[in-house]
Every structure is written in C-alpha cells, then in structure tokens.
Amino acid sequence: YGEEYGVIREDADWVWVLDPIDGTRSFITGKPLFGTLIACLYKGTPVIGVIDQCILNERWLGLAGQVSTLNGEPIQTDGVVILNEAE
C-alpha cells in the first residue's frame, strides 16, 4: 500500500505500508516536521511500525508484543485516558 498508488494485493497475508515523506509540505519548506513511515501488517494486524525522522536523528520502532523504542531506548505512555489530566 502506498499513499500515492493505493492498494495493491490487499488480499495478501503480508502487506507493507510505506509513506516515504510524511509531511511533504514541511519537507518542501525546510521545516523538520517530516519523516518516513513504514509498517508491515499480517492479515490486517500491525506487526511492525517505524517512524524515521532523520533530520532530528529520531527513530521510533514498534513491534507487536514488545516495548516500543525511541533510538533504541524503551518508551511508554503514562496511561492517562482523560486529555485534561495529561501533563
């Protein structure tokens, strides 16, 4: 699947989802708010997801059943479910 090309073989067990430049307008104007998004799904369920923001030297990685990481260091949410209680 690609944003510009649509779905190809959506019936496949394994599907890659790619967005080579998420935040195209930011990229064009030189703002560091863009990145590359990559994901792989198995039968519609995400298995891996990567956000790479090369200009900021940040790589976010999520693997099913594992702790997500930012540049190799574990990350997690704080568990707040009500927006106005977030810090």
C-alpha atoms as a PDB file:
ATOM      1  CA  TYR A   1       0.000   0.000   0.000  1.00  0.00           C
ATOM      2  CA  GLY A   2       1.238   3.471  -0.825  1.00  0.00           C
ATOM      3  CA  GLU A   3      -0.486   6.805  -0.371  1.00  0.00           C
ATOM      4  CA  GLU A   4       0.150   7.847  -3.964  1.00  0.00           C
ATOM      5  CA  TYR A   5      -0.578   4.472  -5.585  1.00  0.00           C
ATOM      6  CA  GLY A   6      -3.338   2.964  -3.471  1.00  0.00           C
ATOM      7  CA  VAL A   7      -3.742  -0.658  -2.503  1.00  0.00           C
ATOM      8  CA  ILE A   8      -2.088  -3.459  -4.447  1.00  0.00           C
ATOM      9  CA  ARG A   9      -2.975  -7.051  -3.483  1.00  0.00           C
ATOM     10  CA  GLU A  10      -4.938  -6.087  -0.383  1.00  0.00           C
ATOM     11  CA  ASP A  11      -5.874  -9.778  -0.092  1.00  0.00           C
ATOM     12  CA  ALA A  12      -2.235 -10.694   0.640  1.00  0.00           C
ATOM     13  CA  ASP A  13      -1.435 -12.071   4.107  1.00  0.00           C
ATOM     14  CA  TRP A  14       1.567  -9.747   4.452  1.00  0.00           C
ATOM     15  CA  VAL A  15       1.164  -6.087   3.465  1.00  0.00           C
ATOM     16  CA  TRP A  16       3.791  -3.343   3.595  1.00  0.00           C
ATOM     17  CA  VAL A  17       2.597   0.245   4.094  1.00  0.00           C
ATOM     18  CA  LEU A  18       5.041   2.970   3.057  1.00  0.00           C
ATOM     19  CA  ASP A  19       4.993   6.744   3.219  1.00  0.00           C
ATOM     20  CA  PRO A  20       8.458   7.876   2.124  1.00  0.00           C
ATOM     21  CA  ILE A  21       7.881  11.540   3.050  1.00  0.00           C
ATOM     22  CA  ASP A  22       5.093  12.047   5.585  1.00  0.00           C
ATOM     23  CA  GLY A  23       4.788  15.803   5.974  1.00  0.00           C
ATOM     24  CA  THR A  24       5.603  16.748   2.394  1.00  0.00           C
ATOM     25  CA  ARG A  25       4.756  20.417   2.897  1.00  0.00           C
ATOM     26  CA  SER A  26       7.108  20.632   5.891  1.00  0.00           C
ATOM     27  CA  PHE A  27       9.806  18.870   3.871  1.00  0.00           C
ATOM     28  CA  ILE A  28       9.440  21.296   0.957  1.00  0.00           C
ATOM     29  CA  THR A  29       9.573  24.351   3.225  1.00  0.00           C
ATOM     30  CA  GLY A  30      12.567  23.062   5.205  1.00  0.00           C
ATOM     31  CA  LYS A  31      10.754  22.503   8.498  1.00  0.00           C
ATOM     32  CA  PRO A  32      11.924  19.428  10.454  1.00  0.00           C
ATOM     33  CA  LEU A  33       8.389  18.041  10.853  1.00  0.00           C
ATOM     34  CA  PHE A  34       8.543  15.237   8.323  1.00  0.00           C
ATOM     35  CA  GLY A  35       9.604  11.630   8.340  1.00  0.00           C
ATOM     36  CA  THR A  36       9.453   8.252   6.693  1.00  0.00           C
ATOM     37  CA  LEU A  37       6.717   5.870   7.849  1.00  0.00           C
ATOM     38  CA  ILE A  38       6.994   2.107   7.325  1.00  0.00           C
ATOM     39  CA  ALA A  39       4.689  -0.606   8.608  1.00  0.00           C
ATOM     40  CA  CYS A  40       4.062  -4.275   7.980  1.00  0.00           C
ATOM     41  CA  LEU A  41       0.719  -5.966   8.625  1.00  0.00           C
ATOM     42  CA  TYR A  42      -0.081  -9.661   8.797  1.00  0.00           C
ATOM     43  CA  LYS A  43      -3.696 -10.400   7.904  1.00  0.00           C
ATOM     44  CA  GLY A  44      -4.585  -6.788   8.701  1.00  0.00           C
ATOM     45  CA  THR A  45      -2.848  -6.688  12.093  1.00  0.00           C
ATOM     46  CA  PRO A  46       0.229  -4.458  12.526  1.00  0.00           C
ATOM     47  CA  VAL A  47       3.419  -6.413  13.201  1.00  0.00           C
ATOM     48  CA  ILE A  48       5.992  -3.631  12.983  1.00  0.00           C
ATOM     49  CA  GLY A  49       5.905   0.128  12.596  1.00  0.00           C
ATOM     50  CA  VAL A  50       8.779   2.550  12.086  1.00  0.00           C
ATOM     51  CA  ILE A  51       8.827   6.345  12.130  1.00  0.00           C
ATOM     52  CA  ASP A  52      12.172   7.720  10.995  1.00  0.00           C
ATOM     53  CA  GLN A  53      12.768  11.447  11.401  1.00  0.00           C
ATOM     54  CA  CYS A  54      16.284  11.609  10.005  1.00  0.00           C
ATOM     55  CA  ILE A  55      16.687  15.371  10.335  1.00  0.00           C
ATOM     56  CA  LEU A  56      16.005  15.078  14.089  1.00  0.00           C
ATOM     57  CA  ASN A  57      18.004  11.835  14.470  1.00  0.00           C
ATOM     58  CA  GLU A  58      14.917  10.064  15.805  1.00  0.00           C
ATOM     59  CA  ARG A  59      13.762   6.552  15.017  1.00  0.00           C
ATOM     60  CA  TRP A  60      10.610   5.247  16.675  1.00  0.00           C
ATOM     61  CA  LEU A  61      10.085   1.481  16.484  1.00  0.00           C
ATOM     62  CA  GLY A  62       7.084  -0.570  17.485  1.00  0.00           C
ATOM     63  CA  LEU A  63       6.989  -4.372  17.328  1.00  0.00           C
ATOM     64  CA  ALA A  64       3.907  -6.387  18.225  1.00  0.00           C
ATOM     65  CA  GLY A  65       4.227  -7.784  21.735  1.00  0.00           C
ATOM     66  CA  GLN A  66       7.333  -5.756  22.576  1.00  0.00           C
ATOM     67  CA  VAL A  67       8.087  -2.415  24.213  1.00  0.00           C
ATOM     68  CA  SER A  68       8.294   0.446  21.717  1.00  0.00           C
ATOM     69  CA  THR A  69      11.577   2.314  21.456  1.00  0.00           C
ATOM     70  CA  LEU A  70      12.931   5.726  20.521  1.00  0.00           C
ATOM     71  CA  ASN A  71      16.513   5.468  19.279  1.00  0.00           C
ATOM     72  CA  GLY A  72      16.805   2.070  20.953  1.00  0.00           C
ATOM     73  CA  GLU A  73      15.579   3.242  24.372  1.00  0.00           C
ATOM     74  CA  PRO A  74      12.270   1.901  25.751  1.00  0.00           C
ATOM     75  CA  ILE A  75       9.319   4.307  25.749  1.00  0.00           C
ATOM     76  CA  GLN A  76       5.750   4.122  27.015  1.00  0.00           C
ATOM     77  CA  THR A  77       2.689   6.259  27.543  1.00  0.00           C
ATOM     78  CA  ASP A  78       1.817   7.473  31.022  1.00  0.00           C
ATOM     79  CA  GLY A  79      -1.566   5.728  30.979  1.00  0.00           C
ATOM     80  CA  VAL A  80      -3.693   8.890  31.221  1.00  0.00           C
ATOM     81  CA  VAL A  81      -7.029   8.350  29.492  1.00  0.00           C
ATOM     82  CA  ILE A  82      -8.599  11.806  30.073  1.00  0.00           C
ATOM     83  CA  LEU A  83      -6.954  14.509  27.973  1.00  0.00           C
ATOM     84  CA  ASN A  84      -7.105  17.325  30.543  1.00  0.00           C
ATOM     85  CA  GLU A  85      -5.270  15.088  33.048  1.00  0.00           C
ATOM     86  CA  ALA A  86      -2.270  14.753  30.764  1.00  0.00           C
ATOM     87  CA  GLU A  87       0.931  16.558  31.692  1.00  0.00           C
END
